[in-house]
Amino acid sequence: MKTPTHQMEVLFKTFEKYSLAEIGLNVFAIADAAQDKRFLSTLEHLRQKCLLKEASGEKAKEISPHLLQLPRDFISVEWDWIRKNIAGTAKMTIVISPLSFDYLYKHLRQFLDVEFEGGLEMMLAFWDPVILAPLLGHKQDTTLYVSGPILQSDQIKSLLQPIQSWWYWDRLGKIHGVFGLNERVEILPIIESPLKFTVEQEEMMVEATFPDNLIYYLKLNNSFLVDKIDDYELYQFVINTIPEARNYHLSGTRDILNFICLKLIYKENFSSDMKIKIQLDNLKDKKVSMDEVMALIVGKAS
């Protein structure tokens, strides 16, 4: 398997025949300072701007996504820094577009806010590959829990209309390119903002982020159970356990989290321990709740 550094050659070779300058394309990065804020200082000489105007103050900007304009020359020192410090992670995505910095900034901001049918609004964190890939429905990314697309076809078209390609690294560090329409628009299309999501889109969005939410709480409250497990191995364990938990009629975050913890605690004995089997049968028959199962099994064991 290629290393993330070597996989950057996939991006570079895409534009090997003709330079970006020759074909009138600019290259940008959307960098997430919440994951790694070093770019704020290391690449401070490049044009960069916080995508969230609402993030006032330096402290807020240090945990927010930024749009950066990168050199068109892939052998520059800036690209070398990205190769050594960013490649293979979710810290940054790369956008190739004929748009100017100001136009792309304005365009991307139109997709920041989403409104669900019930009126609830949320921020659409498209700078995160875990969100971006299912939004666009990138089927080649086999690491996705929800393959998507979550966005409707007209929403995808609007987002990718002035974008030539959007590059990101998946959970295994493999680089992916999503190709857009590359339209050289003189006037940006007017996008209804906030974006309107149907109930089905809302459910897909919640489901796409569900494993990472579970992992967040696992690491926050039960780190001793997972601190020796590789991140991708833990992700695979969680996404495989979610449907198993739902077979016992569990649906809420708390109940599924407890089910995952139970599996982590008992490991290979989870399937063979009779006291667990009895309580899980009662759980399936809705005779007890997951909280009661935890109290009866883990509580007594402690």
C-alpha atoms as a PDB file:
ATOM      1  CA  MET A   1       0.000   0.000   0.000  1.00  0.00           C
ATOM      2  CA  LYS A   2       1.236   3.441  -0.910  1.00  0.00           C
ATOM      3  CA  THR A   3       2.100   5.805   1.897  1.00  0.00           C
ATOM      4  CA  PRO A   4       0.073   9.061   2.159  1.00  0.00           C
ATOM      5  CA  THR A   5       3.164  10.932   0.961  1.00  0.00           C
ATOM      6  CA  HIS A   6       3.421   8.814  -2.176  1.00  0.00           C
ATOM      7  CA  GLN A   7      -0.326   9.037  -2.758  1.00  0.00           C
ATOM      8  CA  MET A   8      -0.022  12.788  -3.163  1.00  0.00           C
ATOM      9  CA  GLU A   9       1.538  11.934  -6.514  1.00  0.00           C
ATOM     10  CA  VAL A  10      -1.963  10.954  -7.654  1.00  0.00           C
ATOM     11  CA  LEU A  11      -2.988  14.587  -7.232  1.00  0.00           C
ATOM     12  CA  PHE A  12       0.219  15.933  -8.748  1.00  0.00           C
ATOM     13  CA  LYS A  13       0.100  13.616 -11.778  1.00  0.00           C
ATOM     14  CA  THR A  14      -3.468  14.689 -12.548  1.00  0.00           C
ATOM     15  CA  PHE A  15      -2.034  18.058 -13.544  1.00  0.00           C
ATOM     16  CA  GLU A  16       1.288  16.805 -14.869  1.00  0.00           C
ATOM     17  CA  LYS A  17       0.576  17.381 -18.574  1.00  0.00           C
ATOM     18  CA  TYR A  18      -0.569  20.960 -18.218  1.00  0.00           C
ATOM     19  CA  SER A  19       0.304  23.275 -15.347  1.00  0.00           C
ATOM     20  CA  LEU A  20      -2.505  24.791 -13.310  1.00  0.00           C
ATOM     21  CA  ALA A  21      -1.499  28.232 -14.569  1.00  0.00           C
ATOM     22  CA  GLU A  22      -1.771  27.097 -18.200  1.00  0.00           C
ATOM     23  CA  ILE A  23      -5.324  25.847 -17.789  1.00  0.00           C
ATOM     24  CA  GLY A  24      -6.437  28.714 -15.577  1.00  0.00           C
ATOM     25  CA  LEU A  25      -6.947  26.830 -12.344  1.00  0.00           C
ATOM     26  CA  ASN A  26      -6.166  27.871  -8.799  1.00  0.00           C
ATOM     27  CA  VAL A  27      -5.436  25.574  -5.879  1.00  0.00           C
ATOM     28  CA  PHE A  28      -6.796  26.013  -2.381  1.00  0.00           C
ATOM     29  CA  ALA A  29      -6.901  24.183   0.914  1.00  0.00           C
ATOM     30  CA  ILE A  30      -9.616  24.042   3.517  1.00  0.00           C
ATOM     31  CA  ALA A  31      -7.654  23.459   6.717  1.00  0.00           C
ATOM     32  CA  ASP A  32      -9.220  22.561  10.069  1.00  0.00           C
ATOM     33  CA  ALA A  33      -7.446  24.435  12.853  1.00  0.00           C
ATOM     34  CA  ALA A  34      -9.346  22.368  15.434  1.00  0.00           C
ATOM     35  CA  GLN A  35      -7.299  19.340  14.334  1.00  0.00           C
ATOM     36  CA  ASP A  36      -3.988  21.082  13.647  1.00  0.00           C
ATOM     37  CA  LYS A  37      -3.473  24.834  13.892  1.00  0.00           C
ATOM     38  CA  ARG A  38       0.169  24.883  12.815  1.00  0.00           C
ATOM     39  CA  PHE A  39      -0.780  26.119   9.350  1.00  0.00           C
ATOM     40  CA  LEU A  40      -1.945  29.401  10.892  1.00  0.00           C
ATOM     41  CA  SER A  41       1.686  30.274  11.561  1.00  0.00           C
ATOM     42  CA  THR A  42       3.658  28.030   9.188  1.00  0.00           C
ATOM     43  CA  LEU A  43       1.619  29.157   6.168  1.00  0.00           C
ATOM     44  CA  GLU A  44       0.809  32.641   7.439  1.00  0.00           C
ATOM     45  CA  HIS A  45       2.450  34.193   4.357  1.00  0.00           C
ATOM     46  CA  LEU A  46      -0.268  32.612   2.190  1.00  0.00           C
ATOM     47  CA  ARG A  47      -3.667  34.192   1.833  1.00  0.00           C
ATOM     48  CA  GLN A  48      -5.958  32.585   4.383  1.00  0.00           C
ATOM     49  CA  LYS A  49      -9.325  33.438   5.870  1.00  0.00           C
ATOM     50  CA  CYS A  50     -11.534  31.819   8.488  1.00  0.00           C
ATOM     51  CA  LEU A  51     -14.608  30.280   6.856  1.00  0.00           C
ATOM     52  CA  LEU A  52     -16.697  31.059   9.902  1.00  0.00           C
ATOM     53  CA  LYS A  53     -17.271  34.797  10.115  1.00  0.00           C
ATOM     54  CA  GLU A  54     -19.038  34.071  13.374  1.00  0.00           C
ATOM     55  CA  ALA A  55     -15.741  32.898  14.902  1.00  0.00           C
ATOM     56  CA  SER A  56     -14.623  36.201  16.364  1.00  0.00           C
ATOM     57  CA  GLY A  57     -11.325  36.482  18.187  1.00  0.00           C
ATOM     58  CA  GLU A  58      -8.062  34.618  17.825  1.00  0.00           C
ATOM     59  CA  LYS A  59      -9.059  31.780  20.160  1.00  0.00           C
ATOM     60  CA  ALA A  60     -12.165  31.008  18.090  1.00  0.00           C
ATOM     61  CA  LYS A  61     -10.183  31.100  14.857  1.00  0.00           C
ATOM     62  CA  GLU A  62      -7.716  28.592  16.300  1.00  0.00           C
ATOM     63  CA  ILE A  63     -10.467  25.947  16.321  1.00  0.00           C
ATOM     64  CA  SER A  64     -12.166  26.865  13.032  1.00  0.00           C
ATOM     65  CA  PRO A  65     -11.772  25.916   9.344  1.00  0.00           C
ATOM     66  CA  HIS A  66      -9.856  28.277   7.060  1.00  0.00           C
ATOM     67  CA  LEU A  67      -9.610  28.703   3.317  1.00  0.00           C
ATOM     68  CA  LEU A  68      -6.016  29.030   2.078  1.00  0.00           C
ATOM     69  CA  GLN A  69      -4.673  29.792  -1.368  1.00  0.00           C
ATOM     70  CA  LEU A  70      -1.814  27.420  -2.146  1.00  0.00           C
ATOM     71  CA  PRO A  71       0.994  27.783  -4.710  1.00  0.00           C
ATOM     72  CA  ARG A  72       0.294  26.306  -8.150  1.00  0.00           C
ATOM     73  CA  ASP A  73       3.814  24.887  -8.055  1.00  0.00           C
ATOM     74  CA  PHE A  74       3.599  21.446  -6.458  1.00  0.00           C
ATOM     75  CA  ILE A  75       7.341  21.379  -5.692  1.00  0.00           C
ATOM     76  CA  SER A  76       7.154  24.481  -3.507  1.00  0.00           C
ATOM     77  CA  VAL A  77       8.138  24.465   0.185  1.00  0.00           C
ATOM     78  CA  GLU A  78       4.482  24.850   1.153  1.00  0.00           C
ATOM     79  CA  TRP A  79       3.546  21.622  -0.616  1.00  0.00           C
ATOM     80  CA  ASP A  80       6.539  19.916   0.947  1.00  0.00           C
ATOM     81  CA  TRP A  81       5.230  20.912   4.381  1.00  0.00           C
ATOM     82  CA  ILE A  82       1.777  19.560   3.504  1.00  0.00           C
ATOM     83  CA  ARG A  83       3.346  16.337   2.264  1.00  0.00           C
ATOM     84  CA  LYS A  84       5.247  15.848   5.535  1.00  0.00           C
ATOM     85  CA  ASN A  85       2.648  17.082   8.044  1.00  0.00           C
ATOM     86  CA  ILE A  86      -0.830  16.794   6.541  1.00  0.00           C
ATOM     87  CA  ALA A  87      -0.925  14.040   3.908  1.00  0.00           C
ATOM     88  CA  GLY A  88      -2.941  11.020   4.996  1.00  0.00           C
ATOM     89  CA  THR A  89      -5.029  12.889   7.578  1.00  0.00           C
ATOM     90  CA  ALA A  90      -8.389  14.648   7.777  1.00  0.00           C
ATOM     91  CA  LYS A  91      -6.722  17.943   8.721  1.00  0.00           C
ATOM     92  CA  MET A  92      -7.004  19.455   5.252  1.00  0.00           C
ATOM     93  CA  THR A  93      -8.830  18.998   1.953  1.00  0.00           C
ATOM     94  CA  ILE A  94      -7.586  20.371  -1.377  1.00  0.00           C
ATOM     95  CA  VAL A  95      -9.827  22.254  -3.814  1.00  0.00           C
ATOM     96  CA  ILE A  96      -8.916  22.955  -7.459  1.00  0.00           C
ATOM     97  CA  SER A  97     -11.089  25.642  -9.038  1.00  0.00           C
ATOM     98  CA  PRO A  98     -11.060  28.365 -11.691  1.00  0.00           C
ATOM     99  CA  LEU A  99     -12.542  30.719  -9.088  1.00  0.00           C
ATOM    100  CA  SER A 100     -10.580  33.445  -7.377  1.00  0.00           C
ATOM    101  CA  PHE A 101     -10.011  33.253  -3.616  1.00  0.00           C
ATOM    102  CA  ASP A 102     -12.832  35.713  -2.883  1.00  0.00           C
ATOM    103  CA  TYR A 103     -15.318  33.962  -5.157  1.00  0.00           C
ATOM    104  CA  LEU A 104     -14.562  30.504  -3.769  1.00  0.00           C
ATOM    105  CA  TYR A 105     -14.793  31.805  -0.204  1.00  0.00           C
ATOM    106  CA  LYS A 106     -18.213  33.301  -0.936  1.00  0.00           C
ATOM    107  CA  HIS A 107     -19.332  30.155  -2.746  1.00  0.00           C
ATOM    108  CA  LEU A 108     -18.359  27.775   0.073  1.00  0.00           C
ATOM    109  CA  ARG A 109     -19.992  29.916   2.722  1.00  0.00           C
ATOM    110  CA  GLN A 110     -23.340  29.416   1.003  1.00  0.00           C
ATOM    111  CA  PHE A 111     -23.197  25.740   2.031  1.00  0.00           C
ATOM    112  CA  LEU A 112     -22.311  26.203   5.687  1.00  0.00           C
ATOM    113  CA  ASP A 113     -25.816  26.186   7.121  1.00  0.00           C
ATOM    114  CA  VAL A 114     -28.482  23.490   6.858  1.00  0.00           C
ATOM    115  CA  GLU A 115     -32.090  23.627   7.981  1.00  0.00           C
ATOM    116  CA  PHE A 116     -34.045  20.449   8.694  1.00  0.00           C
ATOM    117  CA  GLU A 117     -37.763  20.103   8.023  1.00  0.00           C
ATOM    118  CA  GLY A 118     -38.568  20.681  11.680  1.00  0.00           C
ATOM    119  CA  GLY A 119     -36.787  24.058  11.590  1.00  0.00           C
ATOM    120  CA  LEU A 120     -33.636  22.962  13.431  1.00  0.00           C
ATOM    121  CA  GLU A 121     -30.465  24.413  11.916  1.00  0.00           C
ATOM    122  CA  MET A 122     -26.928  23.008  12.017  1.00  0.00           C
ATOM    123  CA  MET A 123     -23.532  23.744  10.508  1.00  0.00           C
ATOM    124  CA  LEU A 124     -22.475  21.501   7.642  1.00  0.00           C
ATOM    125  CA  ALA A 125     -18.829  20.632   8.319  1.00  0.00           C
ATOM    126  CA  PHE A 126     -17.904  19.847   4.712  1.00  0.00           C
ATOM    127  CA  TRP A 127     -14.222  20.544   5.484  1.00  0.00           C
ATOM    128  CA  ASP A 128     -14.170  17.208   7.312  1.00  0.00           C
ATOM    129  CA  PRO A 129     -13.715  14.260   4.882  1.00  0.00           C
ATOM    130  CA  VAL A 130     -15.965  12.144   7.119  1.00  0.00           C
ATOM    131  CA  ILE A 131     -18.762  14.590   6.227  1.00  0.00           C
ATOM    132  CA  LEU A 132     -17.689  15.606   2.719  1.00  0.00           C
ATOM    133  CA  ALA A 133     -17.497  12.102   1.218  1.00  0.00           C
ATOM    134  CA  PRO A 134     -21.014  10.907   2.210  1.00  0.00           C
ATOM    135  CA  LEU A 135     -22.457  14.318   1.301  1.00  0.00           C
ATOM    136  CA  LEU A 136     -21.221  13.832  -2.263  1.00  0.00           C
ATOM    137  CA  GLY A 137     -21.644  10.055  -2.343  1.00  0.00           C
ATOM    138  CA  HIS A 138     -18.089   9.045  -3.185  1.00  0.00           C
ATOM    139  CA  LYS A 139     -18.586   5.311  -3.778  1.00  0.00           C
ATOM    140  CA  GLN A 140     -14.865   4.636  -4.252  1.00  0.00           C
ATOM    141  CA  ASP A 141     -14.275   5.371  -0.561  1.00  0.00           C
ATOM    142  CA  THR A 142     -14.799   1.972   1.028  1.00  0.00           C
ATOM    143  CA  THR A 143     -14.108   3.307   4.541  1.00  0.00           C
ATOM    144  CA  LEU A 144     -17.443   5.140   4.663  1.00  0.00           C
ATOM    145  CA  TYR A 145     -20.173   3.954   7.031  1.00  0.00           C
ATOM    146  CA  VAL A 146     -22.828   5.799   5.008  1.00  0.00           C
ATOM    147  CA  SER A 147     -21.828   5.969   1.354  1.00  0.00           C
ATOM    148  CA  GLY A 148     -24.428   8.585   0.419  1.00  0.00           C
ATOM    149  CA  PRO A 149     -25.007  10.773  -1.395  1.00  0.00           C
ATOM    150  CA  ILE A 150     -26.731  12.765   1.316  1.00  0.00           C
ATOM    151  CA  LEU A 151     -27.053  15.875  -0.840  1.00  0.00           C
ATOM    152  CA  GLN A 152     -29.659  15.834  -3.576  1.00  0.00           C
ATOM    153  CA  SER A 153     -28.433  15.896  -7.172  1.00  0.00           C
ATOM    154  CA  ASP A 154     -29.228  19.593  -7.642  1.00  0.00           C
ATOM    155  CA  GLN A 155     -27.416  20.443  -4.389  1.00  0.00           C
ATOM    156  CA  ILE A 156     -24.331  18.490  -5.504  1.00  0.00           C
ATOM    157  CA  LYS A 157     -24.409  20.248  -8.861  1.00  0.00           C
ATOM    158  CA  SER A 158     -24.598  23.652  -7.191  1.00  0.00           C
ATOM    159  CA  LEU A 159     -21.717  22.867  -4.835  1.00  0.00           C
ATOM    160  CA  LEU A 160     -19.423  21.405  -7.510  1.00  0.00           C
ATOM    161  CA  GLN A 161     -20.386  23.719 -10.371  1.00  0.00           C
ATOM    162  CA  PRO A 162     -17.330  26.010 -10.087  1.00  0.00           C
ATOM    163  CA  ILE A 163     -14.996  23.309  -8.723  1.00  0.00           C
ATOM    164  CA  GLN A 164     -12.679  21.243 -10.920  1.00  0.00           C
ATOM    165  CA  SER A 165     -11.822  18.696  -8.224  1.00  0.00           C
ATOM    166  CA  TRP A 166     -11.938  18.261  -4.455  1.00  0.00           C
ATOM    167  CA  TRP A 167      -9.304  16.030  -2.830  1.00  0.00           C
ATOM    168  CA  TYR A 168      -9.249  14.393   0.581  1.00  0.00           C
ATOM    169  CA  TRP A 169      -7.661  11.505   2.503  1.00  0.00           C
ATOM    170  CA  ASP A 170      -9.878   8.744   3.882  1.00  0.00           C
ATOM    171  CA  ARG A 171      -9.564   6.992   7.255  1.00  0.00           C
ATOM    172  CA  LEU A 172      -6.802   4.742   5.919  1.00  0.00           C
ATOM    173  CA  GLY A 173      -4.811   7.656   4.502  1.00  0.00           C
ATOM    174  CA  LYS A 174      -5.750   6.974   0.874  1.00  0.00           C
ATOM    175  CA  ILE A 175      -6.241  10.041  -1.316  1.00  0.00           C
ATOM    176  CA  HIS A 176      -9.497  10.542  -3.225  1.00  0.00           C
ATOM    177  CA  GLY A 177     -10.492  13.073  -5.849  1.00  0.00           C
ATOM    178  CA  VAL A 178     -14.103  14.108  -6.464  1.00  0.00           C
ATOM    179  CA  PHE A 179     -14.432  15.839  -9.819  1.00  0.00           C
ATOM    180  CA  GLY A 180     -16.818  18.744 -10.310  1.00  0.00           C
ATOM    181  CA  LEU A 181     -18.195  20.640 -13.307  1.00  0.00           C
ATOM    182  CA  ASN A 182     -15.301  23.135 -13.509  1.00  0.00           C
ATOM    183  CA  GLU A 183     -17.561  25.904 -14.819  1.00  0.00           C
ATOM    184  CA  ARG A 184     -15.917  29.304 -15.142  1.00  0.00           C
ATOM    185  CA  VAL A 185     -18.803  31.329 -13.825  1.00  0.00           C
ATOM    186  CA  GLU A 186     -18.728  35.106 -14.020  1.00  0.00           C
ATOM    187  CA  ILE A 187     -21.489  35.391 -11.447  1.00  0.00           C
ATOM    188  CA  LEU A 188     -21.859  32.868  -8.653  1.00  0.00           C
ATOM    189  CA  PRO A 189     -25.119  30.900  -8.706  1.00  0.00           C
ATOM    190  CA  ILE A 190     -27.599  32.030  -6.069  1.00  0.00           C
ATOM    191  CA  ILE A 191     -27.947  29.215  -3.541  1.00  0.00           C
ATOM    192  CA  GLU A 192     -30.848  29.068  -1.133  1.00  0.00           C
ATOM    193  CA  SER A 193     -29.299  29.476   2.290  1.00  0.00           C
ATOM    194  CA  PRO A 194     -29.603  27.717   4.596  1.00  0.00           C
ATOM    195  CA  LEU A 195     -29.734  24.508   2.553  1.00  0.00           C
ATOM    196  CA  LYS A 196     -32.964  22.627   3.098  1.00  0.00           C
ATOM    197  CA  PHE A 197     -32.661  18.997   4.164  1.00  0.00           C
ATOM    198  CA  THR A 198     -35.521  16.501   3.971  1.00  0.00           C
ATOM    199  CA  VAL A 199     -36.222  14.091   6.829  1.00  0.00           C
ATOM    200  CA  GLU A 200     -34.408  11.376   4.869  1.00  0.00           C
ATOM    201  CA  GLN A 201     -31.337  13.597   4.424  1.00  0.00           C
ATOM    202  CA  GLU A 202     -31.383  14.456   8.120  1.00  0.00           C
ATOM    203  CA  GLU A 203     -31.499  10.766   9.042  1.00  0.00           C
ATOM    204  CA  MET A 204     -28.614   9.980   6.685  1.00  0.00           C
ATOM    205  CA  MET A 205     -26.584  12.860   8.125  1.00  0.00           C
ATOM    206  CA  VAL A 206     -27.163  11.687  11.689  1.00  0.00           C
ATOM    207  CA  GLU A 207     -26.318   8.097  10.736  1.00  0.00           C
ATOM    208  CA  ALA A 208     -23.134   9.119   8.876  1.00  0.00           C
ATOM    209  CA  THR A 209     -21.757  10.820  11.985  1.00  0.00           C
ATOM    210  CA  PHE A 210     -23.095   8.292  14.508  1.00  0.00           C
ATOM    211  CA  PRO A 211     -19.993   6.028  14.734  1.00  0.00           C
ATOM    212  CA  ASP A 212     -17.699   9.001  15.364  1.00  0.00           C
ATOM    213  CA  ASN A 213     -20.037  10.322  18.060  1.00  0.00           C
ATOM    214  CA  LEU A 214     -19.950   6.935  19.771  1.00  0.00           C
ATOM    215  CA  ILE A 215     -16.149   6.826  19.520  1.00  0.00           C
ATOM    216  CA  TYR A 216     -15.935  10.343  20.963  1.00  0.00           C
ATOM    217  CA  TYR A 217     -17.914   9.300  24.063  1.00  0.00           C
ATOM    218  CA  LEU A 218     -15.993   6.037  24.353  1.00  0.00           C
ATOM    219  CA  LYS A 219     -12.707   7.918  24.486  1.00  0.00           C
ATOM    220  CA  LEU A 220     -14.122  10.589  26.771  1.00  0.00           C
ATOM    221  CA  ASN A 221     -15.746   8.377  29.394  1.00  0.00           C
ATOM    222  CA  ASN A 222     -14.277   4.897  28.901  1.00  0.00           C
ATOM    223  CA  SER A 223     -10.794   5.502  27.544  1.00  0.00           C
ATOM    224  CA  PHE A 224      -9.412   2.520  29.497  1.00  0.00           C
ATOM    225  CA  LEU A 225     -11.458   0.237  27.232  1.00  0.00           C
ATOM    226  CA  VAL A 226     -10.146   1.622  23.944  1.00  0.00           C
ATOM    227  CA  ASP A 227      -6.781   3.279  24.566  1.00  0.00           C
ATOM    228  CA  LYS A 228      -4.860   0.290  23.178  1.00  0.00           C
ATOM    229  CA  ILE A 229      -7.040  -0.129  20.090  1.00  0.00           C
ATOM    230  CA  ASP A 230      -5.957   1.366  16.767  1.00  0.00           C
ATOM    231  CA  ASP A 231      -8.315   4.145  15.564  1.00  0.00           C
ATOM    232  CA  TYR A 232      -9.404   2.357  12.391  1.00  0.00           C
ATOM    233  CA  GLU A 233      -9.774  -0.966  14.205  1.00  0.00           C
ATOM    234  CA  LEU A 234     -12.004   0.765  16.766  1.00  0.00           C
ATOM    235  CA  TYR A 235     -14.026   2.404  13.974  1.00  0.00           C
ATOM    236  CA  GLN A 236     -14.558  -0.991  12.318  1.00  0.00           C
ATOM    237  CA  PHE A 237     -15.549  -2.524  15.658  1.00  0.00           C
ATOM    238  CA  VAL A 238     -18.103   0.231  16.276  1.00  0.00           C
ATOM    239  CA  ILE A 239     -19.725   0.148  12.821  1.00  0.00           C
ATOM    240  CA  ASN A 240     -19.993  -3.648  13.034  1.00  0.00           C
ATOM    241  CA  THR A 241     -21.510  -3.491  16.520  1.00  0.00           C
ATOM    242  CA  ILE A 242     -24.178  -0.852  15.733  1.00  0.00           C
ATOM    243  CA  PRO A 243     -26.429  -3.229  13.712  1.00  0.00           C
ATOM    244  CA  GLU A 244     -25.865  -5.951  16.309  1.00  0.00           C
ATOM    245  CA  ALA A 245     -27.088  -3.593  19.037  1.00  0.00           C
ATOM    246  CA  ARG A 246     -30.112  -2.623  16.942  1.00  0.00           C
ATOM    247  CA  ASN A 247     -31.070  -6.296  16.707  1.00  0.00           C
ATOM    248  CA  TYR A 248     -31.790  -5.975  20.428  1.00  0.00           C
ATOM    249  CA  HIS A 249     -34.113  -2.999  19.719  1.00  0.00           C
ATOM    250  CA  LEU A 250     -31.546  -0.477  20.946  1.00  0.00           C
ATOM    251  CA  SER A 251     -31.589   2.906  19.240  1.00  0.00           C
ATOM    252  CA  GLY A 252     -30.344   5.748  21.464  1.00  0.00           C
ATOM    253  CA  THR A 253     -26.714   6.766  21.818  1.00  0.00           C
ATOM    254  CA  ARG A 254     -26.592   5.813  25.504  1.00  0.00           C
ATOM    255  CA  ASP A 255     -27.972   2.289  24.976  1.00  0.00           C
ATOM    256  CA  ILE A 256     -25.801   1.483  21.966  1.00  0.00           C
ATOM    257  CA  LEU A 257     -22.772   2.925  23.746  1.00  0.00           C
ATOM    258  CA  ASN A 258     -23.449   0.664  26.729  1.00  0.00           C
ATOM    259  CA  PHE A 259     -23.823  -2.324  24.414  1.00  0.00           C
ATOM    260  CA  ILE A 260     -20.442  -1.523  22.823  1.00  0.00           C
ATOM    261  CA  CYS A 261     -18.864  -1.175  26.275  1.00  0.00           C
ATOM    262  CA  LEU A 262     -20.282  -4.544  27.296  1.00  0.00           C
ATOM    263  CA  LYS A 263     -18.655  -6.163  24.247  1.00  0.00           C
ATOM    264  CA  LEU A 264     -15.355  -4.421  24.974  1.00  0.00           C
ATOM    265  CA  ILE A 265     -15.380  -5.506  28.623  1.00  0.00           C
ATOM    266  CA  TYR A 266     -16.181  -9.177  28.006  1.00  0.00           C
ATOM    267  CA  LYS A 267     -14.367  -9.522  24.646  1.00  0.00           C
ATOM    268  CA  GLU A 268     -14.414 -13.171  23.447  1.00  0.00           C
ATOM    269  CA  ASN A 269     -16.610 -14.178  26.424  1.00  0.00           C
ATOM    270  CA  PHE A 270     -19.421 -11.896  25.274  1.00  0.00           C
ATOM    271  CA  SER A 271     -20.925 -14.626  23.080  1.00  0.00           C
ATOM    272  CA  SER A 272     -20.310 -17.551  25.435  1.00  0.00           C
ATOM    273  CA  ASP A 273     -21.077 -16.165  28.904  1.00  0.00           C
ATOM    274  CA  MET A 274     -24.478 -17.558  29.914  1.00  0.00           C
ATOM    275  CA  LYS A 275     -25.391 -14.731  32.274  1.00  0.00           C
ATOM    276  CA  ILE A 276     -24.887 -12.256  29.422  1.00  0.00           C
ATOM    277  CA  LYS A 277     -26.892 -14.424  27.029  1.00  0.00           C
ATOM    278  CA  ILE A 278     -29.790 -14.634  29.467  1.00  0.00           C
ATOM    279  CA  GLN A 279     -29.921 -10.875  29.972  1.00  0.00           C
ATOM    280  CA  LEU A 280     -29.579 -10.159  26.247  1.00  0.00           C
ATOM    281  CA  ASP A 281     -32.471 -12.533  25.561  1.00  0.00           C
ATOM    282  CA  ASN A 282     -34.508 -10.587  28.132  1.00  0.00           C
ATOM    283  CA  LEU A 283     -33.404  -7.370  26.431  1.00  0.00           C
ATOM    284  CA  LYS A 284     -34.541  -8.661  23.045  1.00  0.00           C
ATOM    285  CA  ASP A 285     -37.895  -9.645  24.548  1.00  0.00           C
ATOM    286  CA  LYS A 286     -38.097  -6.137  26.068  1.00  0.00           C
ATOM    287  CA  LYS A 287     -38.287  -7.531  29.585  1.00  0.00           C
ATOM    288  CA  VAL A 288     -35.378  -5.360  30.736  1.00  0.00           C
ATOM    289  CA  SER A 289     -33.735  -2.123  29.585  1.00  0.00           C
ATOM    290  CA  MET A 290     -30.086  -1.732  28.574  1.00  0.00           C
ATOM    291  CA  ASP A 291     -29.469   0.222  31.769  1.00  0.00           C
ATOM    292  CA  GLU A 292     -30.800  -2.730  33.758  1.00  0.00           C
ATOM    293  CA  VAL A 293     -28.630  -5.146  31.795  1.00  0.00           C
ATOM    294  CA  MET A 294     -25.554  -3.067  32.632  1.00  0.00           C
ATOM    295  CA  ALA A 295     -26.533  -2.952  36.306  1.00  0.00           C
ATOM    296  CA  LEU A 296     -27.180  -6.706  36.444  1.00  0.00           C
ATOM    297  CA  ILE A 297     -24.019  -7.749  34.622  1.00  0.00           C
ATOM    298  CA  VAL A 298     -21.362  -5.054  35.055  1.00  0.00           C
ATOM    299  CA  GLY A 299     -22.694  -3.781  38.364  1.00  0.00           C
ATOM    300  CA  LYS A 300     -22.593  -7.193  39.997  1.00  0.00           C
ATOM    301  CA  ALA A 301     -19.187  -7.967  38.485  1.00  0.00           C
ATOM    302  CA  SER A 302     -17.726  -4.859  40.057  1.00  0.00           C
END
